[in-house]
Amino acid sequence: MMFSNVAVLGAGTIGMSWAVLFAASGRKVAVFDPAPDLRARGLAAVQEASKTLRTLGWEHAGNAANIRFTDDPAEAVQGADFIQENAPENLDVKHELYAKIEPHLICEAIIGSSTSGLTLTEMQQGFSNPGRIVLAHPFNPPHLVPLVELMENTNTDPGVLDIAQSFYETLGKDCVRLKKEIPGHIANRLQAAIWRETIHLAIEGVASIQDIDKAVVSGPGLRWAVLGPNTLFHLGGGAGGIRHFCEHLGAPFQYWWNDLGEPDLTSDVLLELEEGLLQASKGTTLESLSRYRDAAILKVLTGLGQLEEELGV
């Protein structure tokens, strides 16, 4: 098995999700977090995700014996082949953590950082030997959503990113690579662009929060779960592909781009978002929404997997 001993540093939502996936794959996992309820939350997370992970084919799902918990990061990384770092999005905090673990790393260990916004260059400054850390940003929850955004740079040791990608692929991940550093990476920037316009539509009174979300879910969101926007518009061009699409609809799109809003997240805007979401939820709890989200994503993943088998793609 590739990287049979894994450490997870930081056991918030992302870190704990990574931990249950690593354990479900049969790997030994050491989880570090300073929170006093770490073990209780960890065991609860293993059970919560077990049914989903078994559906995805992970035979060790629900086996908490593969996980140990510690409040000492140095202890967590001892003997670990791979470390998934999920510390808060604070460079000083990350650098402090790196200083604590670096003397205890085995020389072959690779560190993948789940950072959603910091750059690889910034994080590397926390290591005396920065060649073994790569950017490895997942999407929440990582035990379920396949995407991992990867990046190396000139300070990265040769072959490290290839090895890291191979490891993530053994976990069923779809890996994409950034060719240059940019805040927010790829998918978060796309999310940010869409969210910005949904807020603009809401505060301009174009539609309710509920209907704006429904427009995404019942329209482009369905297509985006299957193909990306560039490929979809390529199909939309018919026999002429993307060139015909742009010749036919390029001008309207340019007009829409020029008209997109640039809202600020003021207190009034935040209040409008809260009130709109409260009305849209109709009393549904966040826990229920989370369970629905995970169950729906699982249905999509398993359905697409079955379709790919049928079509041989």
C-alpha atoms as a PDB file:
ATOM      1  CA  MET A   1       0.000   0.000   0.000  1.00  0.00           C
ATOM      2  CA  MET A   2       1.284   3.460  -0.915  1.00  0.00           C
ATOM      3  CA  PHE A   3       1.893   5.542   2.245  1.00  0.00           C
ATOM      4  CA  SER A   4       0.506   3.166   4.861  1.00  0.00           C
ATOM      5  CA  ASN A   5       1.134   5.618   7.729  1.00  0.00           C
ATOM      6  CA  VAL A   6      -0.510   9.019   7.441  1.00  0.00           C
ATOM      7  CA  ALA A   7      -0.675  11.991   9.797  1.00  0.00           C
ATOM      8  CA  VAL A   8      -3.456  14.577   9.818  1.00  0.00           C
ATOM      9  CA  LEU A   9      -2.550  17.904  11.401  1.00  0.00           C
ATOM     10  CA  GLY A  10      -5.590  19.940  12.377  1.00  0.00           C
ATOM     11  CA  ALA A  11      -8.903  18.172  12.877  1.00  0.00           C
ATOM     12  CA  GLY A  12     -11.513  20.716  11.963  1.00  0.00           C
ATOM     13  CA  THR A  13     -14.145  19.919   9.339  1.00  0.00           C
ATOM     14  CA  ILE A  14     -11.603  19.361   6.557  1.00  0.00           C
ATOM     15  CA  GLY A  15      -8.974  17.564   8.617  1.00  0.00           C
ATOM     16  CA  MET A  16     -11.404  15.150  10.224  1.00  0.00           C
ATOM     17  CA  SER A  17     -12.937  14.361   6.852  1.00  0.00           C
ATOM     18  CA  TRP A  18      -9.477  13.560   5.478  1.00  0.00           C
ATOM     19  CA  ALA A  19      -8.765  11.374   8.511  1.00  0.00           C
ATOM     20  CA  VAL A  20     -11.846   9.184   8.087  1.00  0.00           C
ATOM     21  CA  LEU A  21     -11.044   8.707   4.386  1.00  0.00           C
ATOM     22  CA  PHE A  22      -7.424   7.747   5.058  1.00  0.00           C
ATOM     23  CA  ALA A  23      -8.552   5.277   7.739  1.00  0.00           C
ATOM     24  CA  ALA A  24     -11.276   3.837   5.512  1.00  0.00           C
ATOM     25  CA  SER A  25      -8.601   3.047   2.910  1.00  0.00           C
ATOM     26  CA  GLY A  26      -6.885   0.801   5.453  1.00  0.00           C
ATOM     27  CA  ARG A  27      -4.088   3.172   6.379  1.00  0.00           C
ATOM     28  CA  LYS A  28      -2.909   3.890   9.907  1.00  0.00           C
ATOM     29  CA  VAL A  29      -3.760   7.491  10.744  1.00  0.00           C
ATOM     30  CA  ALA A  30      -2.441   9.746  13.504  1.00  0.00           C
ATOM     31  CA  VAL A  31      -4.614  12.816  14.086  1.00  0.00           C
ATOM     32  CA  PHE A  32      -3.284  15.916  15.844  1.00  0.00           C
ATOM     33  CA  ASP A  33      -5.413  18.713  17.225  1.00  0.00           C
ATOM     34  CA  PRO A  34      -5.194  20.676  20.489  1.00  0.00           C
ATOM     35  CA  ALA A  35      -8.962  20.534  21.101  1.00  0.00           C
ATOM     36  CA  PRO A  36      -9.877  18.600  24.275  1.00  0.00           C
ATOM     37  CA  ASP A  37     -12.795  16.832  22.569  1.00  0.00           C
ATOM     38  CA  LEU A  38     -10.629  15.534  19.709  1.00  0.00           C
ATOM     39  CA  ARG A  39     -11.138  11.818  20.353  1.00  0.00           C
ATOM     40  CA  ALA A  40     -14.908  12.092  20.855  1.00  0.00           C
ATOM     41  CA  ARG A  41     -15.331  14.145  17.672  1.00  0.00           C
ATOM     42  CA  GLY A  42     -13.066  11.799  15.775  1.00  0.00           C
ATOM     43  CA  LEU A  43     -14.954   8.650  16.730  1.00  0.00           C
ATOM     44  CA  ALA A  44     -18.260  10.351  15.933  1.00  0.00           C
ATOM     45  CA  ALA A  45     -16.936  11.389  12.505  1.00  0.00           C
ATOM     46  CA  VAL A  46     -15.834   7.830  11.719  1.00  0.00           C
ATOM     47  CA  GLN A  47     -19.317   6.507  12.419  1.00  0.00           C
ATOM     48  CA  GLU A  48     -21.071   9.381  10.647  1.00  0.00           C
ATOM     49  CA  ALA A  49     -19.134   8.803   7.419  1.00  0.00           C
ATOM     50  CA  SER A  50     -19.021   4.997   7.544  1.00  0.00           C
ATOM     51  CA  LYS A  51     -22.143   4.294   5.465  1.00  0.00           C
ATOM     52  CA  THR A  52     -21.141   6.795   2.783  1.00  0.00           C
ATOM     53  CA  LEU A  53     -17.616   5.429   2.551  1.00  0.00           C
ATOM     54  CA  ARG A  54     -18.808   1.818   2.393  1.00  0.00           C
ATOM     55  CA  THR A  55     -21.082   2.794  -0.486  1.00  0.00           C
ATOM     56  CA  LEU A  56     -18.026   4.209  -2.245  1.00  0.00           C
ATOM     57  CA  GLY A  57     -16.264   0.882  -1.794  1.00  0.00           C
ATOM     58  CA  TRP A  58     -13.958   1.520   1.184  1.00  0.00           C
ATOM     59  CA  GLU A  59     -13.991  -1.791   3.060  1.00  0.00           C
ATOM     60  CA  HIS A  60     -12.354  -0.390   6.203  1.00  0.00           C
ATOM     61  CA  ALA A  61     -14.958   2.353   6.641  1.00  0.00           C
ATOM     62  CA  GLY A  62     -16.100   2.652  10.238  1.00  0.00           C
ATOM     63  CA  ASN A  63     -12.983   0.984  11.643  1.00  0.00           C
ATOM     64  CA  ALA A  64     -11.806   3.419  14.307  1.00  0.00           C
ATOM     65  CA  ALA A  65      -8.944   1.085  15.245  1.00  0.00           C
ATOM     66  CA  ASN A  66      -6.950   2.581  12.358  1.00  0.00           C
ATOM     67  CA  ILE A  67      -6.954   6.040  13.988  1.00  0.00           C
ATOM     68  CA  ARG A  68      -5.089   7.372  16.999  1.00  0.00           C
ATOM     69  CA  PHE A  69      -5.433  10.863  18.438  1.00  0.00           C
ATOM     70  CA  THR A  70      -2.848  13.157  19.992  1.00  0.00           C
ATOM     71  CA  ASP A  71      -2.385  16.752  21.101  1.00  0.00           C
ATOM     72  CA  ASP A  72       1.304  16.633  20.144  1.00  0.00           C
ATOM     73  CA  PRO A  73       2.078  17.352  16.459  1.00  0.00           C
ATOM     74  CA  ALA A  74       5.604  15.931  16.757  1.00  0.00           C
ATOM     75  CA  GLU A  75       4.186  12.634  17.971  1.00  0.00           C
ATOM     76  CA  ALA A  76       1.625  12.590  15.163  1.00  0.00           C
ATOM     77  CA  VAL A  77       4.213  12.838  12.372  1.00  0.00           C
ATOM     78  CA  GLN A  78       6.713  10.327  13.732  1.00  0.00           C
ATOM     79  CA  GLY A  79       6.993   7.524  11.174  1.00  0.00           C
ATOM     80  CA  ALA A  80       4.389   9.107   8.875  1.00  0.00           C
ATOM     81  CA  ASP A  81       4.963   8.701   5.143  1.00  0.00           C
ATOM     82  CA  PHE A  82       2.458  11.406   4.245  1.00  0.00           C
ATOM     83  CA  ILE A  83       1.166  14.369   6.243  1.00  0.00           C
ATOM     84  CA  GLN A  84      -2.039  16.214   5.422  1.00  0.00           C
ATOM     85  CA  GLU A  85      -1.822  19.659   7.039  1.00  0.00           C
ATOM     86  CA  ASN A  86      -5.088  21.458   7.797  1.00  0.00           C
ATOM     87  CA  ALA A  87      -4.040  24.199  10.222  1.00  0.00           C
ATOM     88  CA  PRO A  88      -6.006  27.479  10.278  1.00  0.00           C
ATOM     89  CA  GLU A  89      -5.550  29.902   7.379  1.00  0.00           C
ATOM     90  CA  ASN A  90      -2.963  31.891   9.291  1.00  0.00           C
ATOM     91  CA  LEU A  91       0.610  31.892   8.049  1.00  0.00           C
ATOM     92  CA  ASP A  92       2.140  32.402  11.494  1.00  0.00           C
ATOM     93  CA  VAL A  93       0.155  29.464  12.877  1.00  0.00           C
ATOM     94  CA  LYS A  94       1.223  27.232  10.006  1.00  0.00           C
ATOM     95  CA  HIS A  95       4.884  28.236  10.285  1.00  0.00           C
ATOM     96  CA  GLU A  96       4.826  27.564  14.027  1.00  0.00           C
ATOM     97  CA  LEU A  97       3.395  24.112  13.354  1.00  0.00           C
ATOM     98  CA  TYR A  98       5.998  23.402  10.660  1.00  0.00           C
ATOM     99  CA  ALA A  99       8.821  24.308  13.042  1.00  0.00           C
ATOM    100  CA  LYS A 100       7.479  21.803  15.556  1.00  0.00           C
ATOM    101  CA  ILE A 101       7.185  18.897  13.121  1.00  0.00           C
ATOM    102  CA  GLU A 102      10.173  19.310  10.774  1.00  0.00           C
ATOM    103  CA  PRO A 103      12.781  17.786  13.139  1.00  0.00           C
ATOM    104  CA  HIS A 104      10.594  14.682  13.490  1.00  0.00           C
ATOM    105  CA  LEU A 105       9.822  13.999   9.829  1.00  0.00           C
ATOM    106  CA  ILE A 106      11.290  10.990   8.075  1.00  0.00           C
ATOM    107  CA  CYS A 107      13.306  12.094   5.058  1.00  0.00           C
ATOM    108  CA  GLU A 108      10.859  10.575   2.542  1.00  0.00           C
ATOM    109  CA  ALA A 109       7.760  12.190   4.066  1.00  0.00           C
ATOM    110  CA  ILE A 110       5.593  14.435   1.898  1.00  0.00           C
ATOM    111  CA  ILE A 111       3.389  17.189   3.315  1.00  0.00           C
ATOM    112  CA  GLY A 112       0.219  18.197   1.490  1.00  0.00           C
ATOM    113  CA  SER A 113      -1.398  21.424   2.682  1.00  0.00           C
ATOM    114  CA  SER A 114      -5.172  21.815   2.479  1.00  0.00           C
ATOM    115  CA  THR A 115      -4.875  25.605   2.413  1.00  0.00           C
ATOM    116  CA  SER A 116      -7.692  27.256   0.512  1.00  0.00           C
ATOM    117  CA  GLY A 117      -6.015  30.615  -0.003  1.00  0.00           C
ATOM    118  CA  LEU A 118      -2.364  30.806   1.048  1.00  0.00           C
ATOM    119  CA  THR A 119       0.300  30.293  -1.580  1.00  0.00           C
ATOM    120  CA  LEU A 120       2.820  27.480  -1.639  1.00  0.00           C
ATOM    121  CA  THR A 121       5.720  29.960  -1.597  1.00  0.00           C
ATOM    122  CA  GLU A 122       4.385  31.545   1.600  1.00  0.00           C
ATOM    123  CA  MET A 123       4.042  28.181   3.309  1.00  0.00           C
ATOM    124  CA  GLN A 124       7.463  26.935   2.223  1.00  0.00           C
ATOM    125  CA  GLN A 125       9.051  29.781   4.180  1.00  0.00           C
ATOM    126  CA  GLY A 126       8.181  27.871   7.355  1.00  0.00           C
ATOM    127  CA  PHE A 127      10.546  24.987   6.465  1.00  0.00           C
ATOM    128  CA  SER A 128      14.323  24.893   6.432  1.00  0.00           C
ATOM    129  CA  ASN A 129      13.940  22.241   3.712  1.00  0.00           C
ATOM    130  CA  PRO A 130      10.848  23.241   1.708  1.00  0.00           C
ATOM    131  CA  GLY A 131      11.186  20.622  -1.005  1.00  0.00           C
ATOM    132  CA  ARG A 132       8.681  18.128   0.430  1.00  0.00           C
ATOM    133  CA  ILE A 133       5.604  20.327   0.911  1.00  0.00           C
ATOM    134  CA  VAL A 134       3.040  20.742  -1.864  1.00  0.00           C
ATOM    135  CA  LEU A 135      -0.284  22.507  -2.156  1.00  0.00           C
ATOM    136  CA  ALA A 136      -3.089  19.945  -1.954  1.00  0.00           C
ATOM    137  CA  HIS A 137      -6.394  21.755  -1.588  1.00  0.00           C
ATOM    138  CA  PRO A 138      -9.507  19.546  -1.339  1.00  0.00           C
ATOM    139  CA  PHE A 139     -13.179  20.436  -1.535  1.00  0.00           C
ATOM    140  CA  ASN A 140     -15.440  20.015   1.469  1.00  0.00           C
ATOM    141  CA  PRO A 141     -16.073  17.298   2.515  1.00  0.00           C
ATOM    142  CA  PRO A 142     -12.890  15.653   1.178  1.00  0.00           C
ATOM    143  CA  HIS A 143     -13.961  12.126   2.127  1.00  0.00           C
ATOM    144  CA  LEU A 144     -16.727  12.544  -0.457  1.00  0.00           C
ATOM    145  CA  VAL A 145     -15.899  15.245  -3.036  1.00  0.00           C
ATOM    146  CA  PRO A 146     -13.181  14.029  -5.461  1.00  0.00           C
ATOM    147  CA  LEU A 147     -11.408  17.299  -6.320  1.00  0.00           C
ATOM    148  CA  VAL A 148      -7.854  18.020  -5.118  1.00  0.00           C
ATOM    149  CA  GLU A 149      -5.980  21.057  -6.459  1.00  0.00           C
ATOM    150  CA  LEU A 150      -2.221  20.439  -6.581  1.00  0.00           C
ATOM    151  CA  MET A 151       0.777  22.683  -7.080  1.00  0.00           C
ATOM    152  CA  GLU A 152       4.573  22.554  -6.975  1.00  0.00           C
ATOM    153  CA  ASN A 153       7.168  25.249  -7.653  1.00  0.00           C
ATOM    154  CA  THR A 154      10.892  25.591  -8.245  1.00  0.00           C
ATOM    155  CA  ASN A 155      11.578  24.841  -4.561  1.00  0.00           C
ATOM    156  CA  THR A 156       9.763  21.504  -4.737  1.00  0.00           C
ATOM    157  CA  ASP A 157      11.939  18.406  -4.957  1.00  0.00           C
ATOM    158  CA  PRO A 158      11.722  16.603  -8.321  1.00  0.00           C
ATOM    159  CA  GLY A 159       9.001  13.980  -8.486  1.00  0.00           C
ATOM    160  CA  VAL A 160       7.326  14.922  -5.200  1.00  0.00           C
ATOM    161  CA  LEU A 161       4.139  16.270  -6.782  1.00  0.00           C
ATOM    162  CA  ASP A 162       3.856  13.229  -9.064  1.00  0.00           C
ATOM    163  CA  ILE A 163       4.102  10.959  -6.021  1.00  0.00           C
ATOM    164  CA  ALA A 164       1.545  13.029  -4.125  1.00  0.00           C
ATOM    165  CA  GLN A 165      -0.868  12.909  -7.059  1.00  0.00           C
ATOM    166  CA  SER A 166      -0.508   9.141  -7.311  1.00  0.00           C
ATOM    167  CA  PHE A 167      -1.306   8.867  -3.604  1.00  0.00           C
ATOM    168  CA  TYR A 168      -4.441  10.993  -3.888  1.00  0.00           C
ATOM    169  CA  GLU A 169      -5.552   9.018  -6.922  1.00  0.00           C
ATOM    170  CA  THR A 170      -5.421   5.805  -4.873  1.00  0.00           C
ATOM    171  CA  LEU A 171      -8.052   7.527  -2.723  1.00  0.00           C
ATOM    172  CA  GLY A 172     -10.314   8.119  -5.714  1.00  0.00           C
ATOM    173  CA  LYS A 173      -9.370  11.769  -6.120  1.00  0.00           C
ATOM    174  CA  ASP A 174      -9.588  13.797  -9.329  1.00  0.00           C
ATOM    175  CA  CYS A 175      -6.444  15.918  -9.293  1.00  0.00           C
ATOM    176  CA  VAL A 176      -5.893  19.178 -11.141  1.00  0.00           C
ATOM    177  CA  ARG A 177      -2.664  21.171 -11.261  1.00  0.00           C
ATOM    178  CA  LEU A 178      -2.067  24.882 -10.954  1.00  0.00           C
ATOM    179  CA  LYS A 179       0.650  26.165 -13.275  1.00  0.00           C
ATOM    180  CA  LYS A 180       1.136  29.403 -11.336  1.00  0.00           C
ATOM    181  CA  GLU A 181       0.264  30.805  -7.918  1.00  0.00           C
ATOM    182  CA  ILE A 182      -2.949  32.748  -7.560  1.00  0.00           C
ATOM    183  CA  PRO A 183      -5.010  33.525  -4.451  1.00  0.00           C
ATOM    184  CA  GLY A 184      -7.869  31.059  -4.005  1.00  0.00           C
ATOM    185  CA  HIS A 185      -6.473  28.591  -6.572  1.00  0.00           C
ATOM    186  CA  ILE A 186      -8.968  27.448  -9.265  1.00  0.00           C
ATOM    187  CA  ALA A 187     -12.292  26.225  -7.900  1.00  0.00           C
ATOM    188  CA  ASN A 188     -12.593  28.740  -5.066  1.00  0.00           C
ATOM    189  CA  ARG A 189     -12.147  31.595  -7.534  1.00  0.00           C
ATOM    190  CA  LEU A 190     -14.880  30.124  -9.714  1.00  0.00           C
ATOM    191  CA  GLN A 191     -17.118  29.791  -6.666  1.00  0.00           C
ATOM    192  CA  ALA A 192     -16.308  33.358  -5.658  1.00  0.00           C
ATOM    193  CA  ALA A 193     -17.276  34.695  -9.084  1.00  0.00           C
ATOM    194  CA  ILE A 194     -20.623  32.903  -9.080  1.00  0.00           C
ATOM    195  CA  TRP A 195     -21.381  33.809  -5.458  1.00  0.00           C
ATOM    196  CA  ARG A 196     -20.575  37.470  -6.118  1.00  0.00           C
ATOM    197  CA  GLU A 197     -23.189  37.600  -8.858  1.00  0.00           C
ATOM    198  CA  THR A 198     -25.798  35.748  -6.783  1.00  0.00           C
ATOM    199  CA  ILE A 199     -25.382  38.391  -4.064  1.00  0.00           C
ATOM    200  CA  HIS A 200     -25.645  41.174  -6.656  1.00  0.00           C
ATOM    201  CA  LEU A 201     -28.880  39.700  -8.032  1.00  0.00           C
ATOM    202  CA  ALA A 202     -30.312  39.435  -4.525  1.00  0.00           C
ATOM    203  CA  ILE A 203     -29.479  42.946  -3.313  1.00  0.00           C
ATOM    204  CA  GLU A 204     -30.656  44.433  -6.610  1.00  0.00           C
ATOM    205  CA  GLY A 205     -34.011  42.753  -6.046  1.00  0.00           C
ATOM    206  CA  VAL A 206     -33.813  40.670  -9.220  1.00  0.00           C
ATOM    207  CA  ALA A 207     -34.891  37.478  -7.415  1.00  0.00           C
ATOM    208  CA  SER A 208     -35.065  35.907  -3.963  1.00  0.00           C
ATOM    209  CA  ILE A 209     -32.174  33.992  -2.428  1.00  0.00           C
ATOM    210  CA  GLN A 210     -34.265  30.839  -2.727  1.00  0.00           C
ATOM    211  CA  ASP A 211     -34.968  31.318  -6.434  1.00  0.00           C
ATOM    212  CA  ILE A 212     -31.377  32.288  -7.213  1.00  0.00           C
ATOM    213  CA  ASP A 213     -30.136  29.060  -5.609  1.00  0.00           C
ATOM    214  CA  LYS A 214     -32.880  27.113  -7.382  1.00  0.00           C
ATOM    215  CA  ALA A 215     -31.827  28.602 -10.721  1.00  0.00           C
ATOM    216  CA  VAL A 216     -28.316  27.240 -10.209  1.00  0.00           C
ATOM    217  CA  VAL A 217     -29.372  23.812  -8.910  1.00  0.00           C
ATOM    218  CA  SER A 218     -32.070  23.185 -11.529  1.00  0.00           C
ATOM    219  CA  GLY A 219     -30.135  24.686 -14.429  1.00  0.00           C
ATOM    220  CA  PRO A 220     -26.372  25.013 -14.907  1.00  0.00           C
ATOM    221  CA  GLY A 221     -25.566  23.136 -11.685  1.00  0.00           C
ATOM    222  CA  LEU A 222     -26.944  19.921 -13.166  1.00  0.00           C
ATOM    223  CA  ARG A 223     -24.757  20.298 -16.224  1.00  0.00           C
ATOM    224  CA  TRP A 224     -21.676  21.309 -14.218  1.00  0.00           C
ATOM    225  CA  ALA A 225     -21.881  18.052 -12.276  1.00  0.00           C
ATOM    226  CA  VAL A 226     -21.191  16.275 -15.564  1.00  0.00           C
ATOM    227  CA  LEU A 227     -19.058  18.587 -17.719  1.00  0.00           C
ATOM    228  CA  GLY A 228     -17.221  21.870 -17.195  1.00  0.00           C
ATOM    229  CA  PRO A 229     -18.481  25.181 -18.623  1.00  0.00           C
ATOM    230  CA  ASN A 230     -15.970  25.334 -21.472  1.00  0.00           C
ATOM    231  CA  THR A 231     -16.855  21.839 -22.665  1.00  0.00           C
ATOM    232  CA  LEU A 232     -20.584  22.518 -22.303  1.00  0.00           C
ATOM    233  CA  PHE A 233     -20.369  25.647 -24.448  1.00  0.00           C
ATOM    234  CA  HIS A 234     -18.277  23.683 -26.941  1.00  0.00           C
ATOM    235  CA  LEU A 235     -21.215  21.275 -27.183  1.00  0.00           C
ATOM    236  CA  GLY A 236     -23.584  24.229 -27.370  1.00  0.00           C
ATOM    237  CA  GLY A 237     -21.908  25.317 -30.584  1.00  0.00           C
ATOM    238  CA  GLY A 238     -23.122  22.198 -32.389  1.00  0.00           C
ATOM    239  CA  ALA A 239     -20.981  20.990 -35.269  1.00  0.00           C
ATOM    240  CA  GLY A 240     -18.983  24.215 -35.150  1.00  0.00           C
ATOM    241  CA  GLY A 241     -18.035  23.736 -31.529  1.00  0.00           C
ATOM    242  CA  ILE A 242     -16.751  26.566 -29.363  1.00  0.00           C
ATOM    243  CA  ARG A 243     -15.948  28.787 -32.355  1.00  0.00           C
ATOM    244  CA  HIS A 244     -19.548  28.766 -33.573  1.00  0.00           C
ATOM    245  CA  PHE A 245     -20.824  29.248 -30.012  1.00  0.00           C
ATOM    246  CA  CYS A 246     -18.678  32.353 -29.541  1.00  0.00           C
ATOM    247  CA  GLU A 247     -19.538  33.738 -32.975  1.00  0.00           C
ATOM    248  CA  HIS A 248     -23.233  33.309 -32.154  1.00  0.00           C
ATOM    249  CA  LEU A 249     -23.354  34.226 -28.442  1.00  0.00           C
ATOM    250  CA  GLY A 250     -20.024  35.897 -27.747  1.00  0.00           C
ATOM    251  CA  ALA A 251     -21.441  39.424 -27.937  1.00  0.00           C
ATOM    252  CA  PRO A 252     -24.286  38.750 -25.455  1.00  0.00           C
ATOM    253  CA  PHE A 253     -21.841  37.108 -23.044  1.00  0.00           C
ATOM    254  CA  GLN A 254     -19.501  40.095 -23.315  1.00  0.00           C
ATOM    255  CA  TYR A 255     -22.442  42.388 -22.544  1.00  0.00           C
ATOM    256  CA  TRP A 256     -23.373  40.258 -19.484  1.00  0.00           C
ATOM    257  CA  TRP A 257     -19.769  40.250 -18.266  1.00  0.00           C
ATOM    258  CA  ASN A 258     -19.644  44.031 -18.469  1.00  0.00           C
ATOM    259  CA  ASP A 259     -22.888  44.235 -16.476  1.00  0.00           C
ATOM    260  CA  LEU A 260     -21.927  41.867 -13.648  1.00  0.00           C
ATOM    261  CA  GLY A 261     -22.163  43.339 -10.169  1.00  0.00           C
ATOM    262  CA  GLU A 262     -19.441  44.041  -7.607  1.00  0.00           C
ATOM    263  CA  PRO A 263     -21.235  43.898  -4.248  1.00  0.00           C
ATOM    264  CA  ASP A 264     -19.546  44.458  -0.883  1.00  0.00           C
ATOM    265  CA  LEU A 265     -20.249  42.151   2.057  1.00  0.00           C
ATOM    266  CA  THR A 266     -21.549  44.916   4.282  1.00  0.00           C
ATOM    267  CA  SER A 267     -23.594  44.267   7.422  1.00  0.00           C
ATOM    268  CA  ASP A 268     -26.782  45.091   5.507  1.00  0.00           C
ATOM    269  CA  VAL A 269     -25.925  42.628   2.752  1.00  0.00           C
ATOM    270  CA  LEU A 270     -25.094  39.950   5.319  1.00  0.00           C
ATOM    271  CA  LEU A 271     -28.434  40.545   7.032  1.00  0.00           C
ATOM    272  CA  GLU A 272     -30.242  40.166   3.711  1.00  0.00           C
ATOM    273  CA  LEU A 273     -28.414  36.904   3.046  1.00  0.00           C
ATOM    274  CA  GLU A 274     -29.283  35.568   6.493  1.00  0.00           C
ATOM    275  CA  GLU A 275     -32.957  36.490   6.183  1.00  0.00           C
ATOM    276  CA  GLY A 276     -33.168  35.045   2.677  1.00  0.00           C
ATOM    277  CA  LEU A 277     -31.581  31.757   3.706  1.00  0.00           C
ATOM    278  CA  LEU A 278     -33.795  31.540   6.768  1.00  0.00           C
ATOM    279  CA  GLN A 279     -36.863  31.888   4.582  1.00  0.00           C
ATOM    280  CA  ALA A 280     -35.508  29.393   2.066  1.00  0.00           C
ATOM    281  CA  SER A 281     -34.684  26.768   4.704  1.00  0.00           C
ATOM    282  CA  LYS A 282     -38.256  26.643   6.026  1.00  0.00           C
ATOM    283  CA  GLY A 283     -37.011  25.476   9.402  1.00  0.00           C
ATOM    284  CA  THR A 284     -34.587  22.850   8.084  1.00  0.00           C
ATOM    285  CA  THR A 285     -31.576  22.546  10.384  1.00  0.00           C
ATOM    286  CA  LEU A 286     -27.994  22.910   9.203  1.00  0.00           C
ATOM    287  CA  GLU A 287     -27.371  19.293  10.245  1.00  0.00           C
ATOM    288  CA  SER A 288     -30.230  18.112   8.030  1.00  0.00           C
ATOM    289  CA  LEU A 289     -28.973  20.203   5.119  1.00  0.00           C
ATOM    290  CA  SER A 290     -25.495  18.739   5.566  1.00  0.00           C
ATOM    291  CA  ARG A 291     -26.833  15.179   5.531  1.00  0.00           C
ATOM    292  CA  TYR A 292     -28.916  15.954   2.441  1.00  0.00           C
ATOM    293  CA  ARG A 293     -25.885  17.484   0.695  1.00  0.00           C
ATOM    294  CA  ASP A 294     -23.721  14.443   1.373  1.00  0.00           C
ATOM    295  CA  ALA A 295     -26.428  11.960   0.396  1.00  0.00           C
ATOM    296  CA  ALA A 296     -27.153  13.844  -2.834  1.00  0.00           C
ATOM    297  CA  ILE A 297     -23.460  14.070  -3.776  1.00  0.00           C
ATOM    298  CA  LEU A 298     -23.132  10.339  -3.115  1.00  0.00           C
ATOM    299  CA  LYS A 299     -26.076   9.644  -5.445  1.00  0.00           C
ATOM    300  CA  VAL A 300     -24.437  11.716  -8.179  1.00  0.00           C
ATOM    301  CA  LEU A 301     -21.063  10.016  -7.750  1.00  0.00           C
ATOM    302  CA  THR A 302     -22.451   6.489  -7.740  1.00  0.00           C
ATOM    303  CA  GLY A 303     -24.765   7.262 -10.666  1.00  0.00           C
ATOM    304  CA  LEU A 304     -21.934   8.690 -12.737  1.00  0.00           C
ATOM    305  CA  GLY A 305     -19.748   5.722 -11.839  1.00  0.00           C
ATOM    306  CA  GLN A 306     -22.402   3.288 -13.048  1.00  0.00           C
ATOM    307  CA  LEU A 307     -22.880   5.288 -16.256  1.00  0.00           C
ATOM    308  CA  GLU A 308     -19.149   5.293 -16.977  1.00  0.00           C
ATOM    309  CA  GLU A 309     -19.077   1.504 -16.552  1.00  0.00           C
ATOM    310  CA  GLU A 310     -22.037   1.090 -18.905  1.00  0.00           C
ATOM    311  CA  LEU A 311     -20.485   3.338 -21.553  1.00  0.00           C
ATOM    312  CA  GLY A 312     -16.968   2.035 -21.030  1.00  0.00           C
ATOM    313  CA  VAL A 313     -15.474   5.491 -20.462  1.00  0.00           C
END
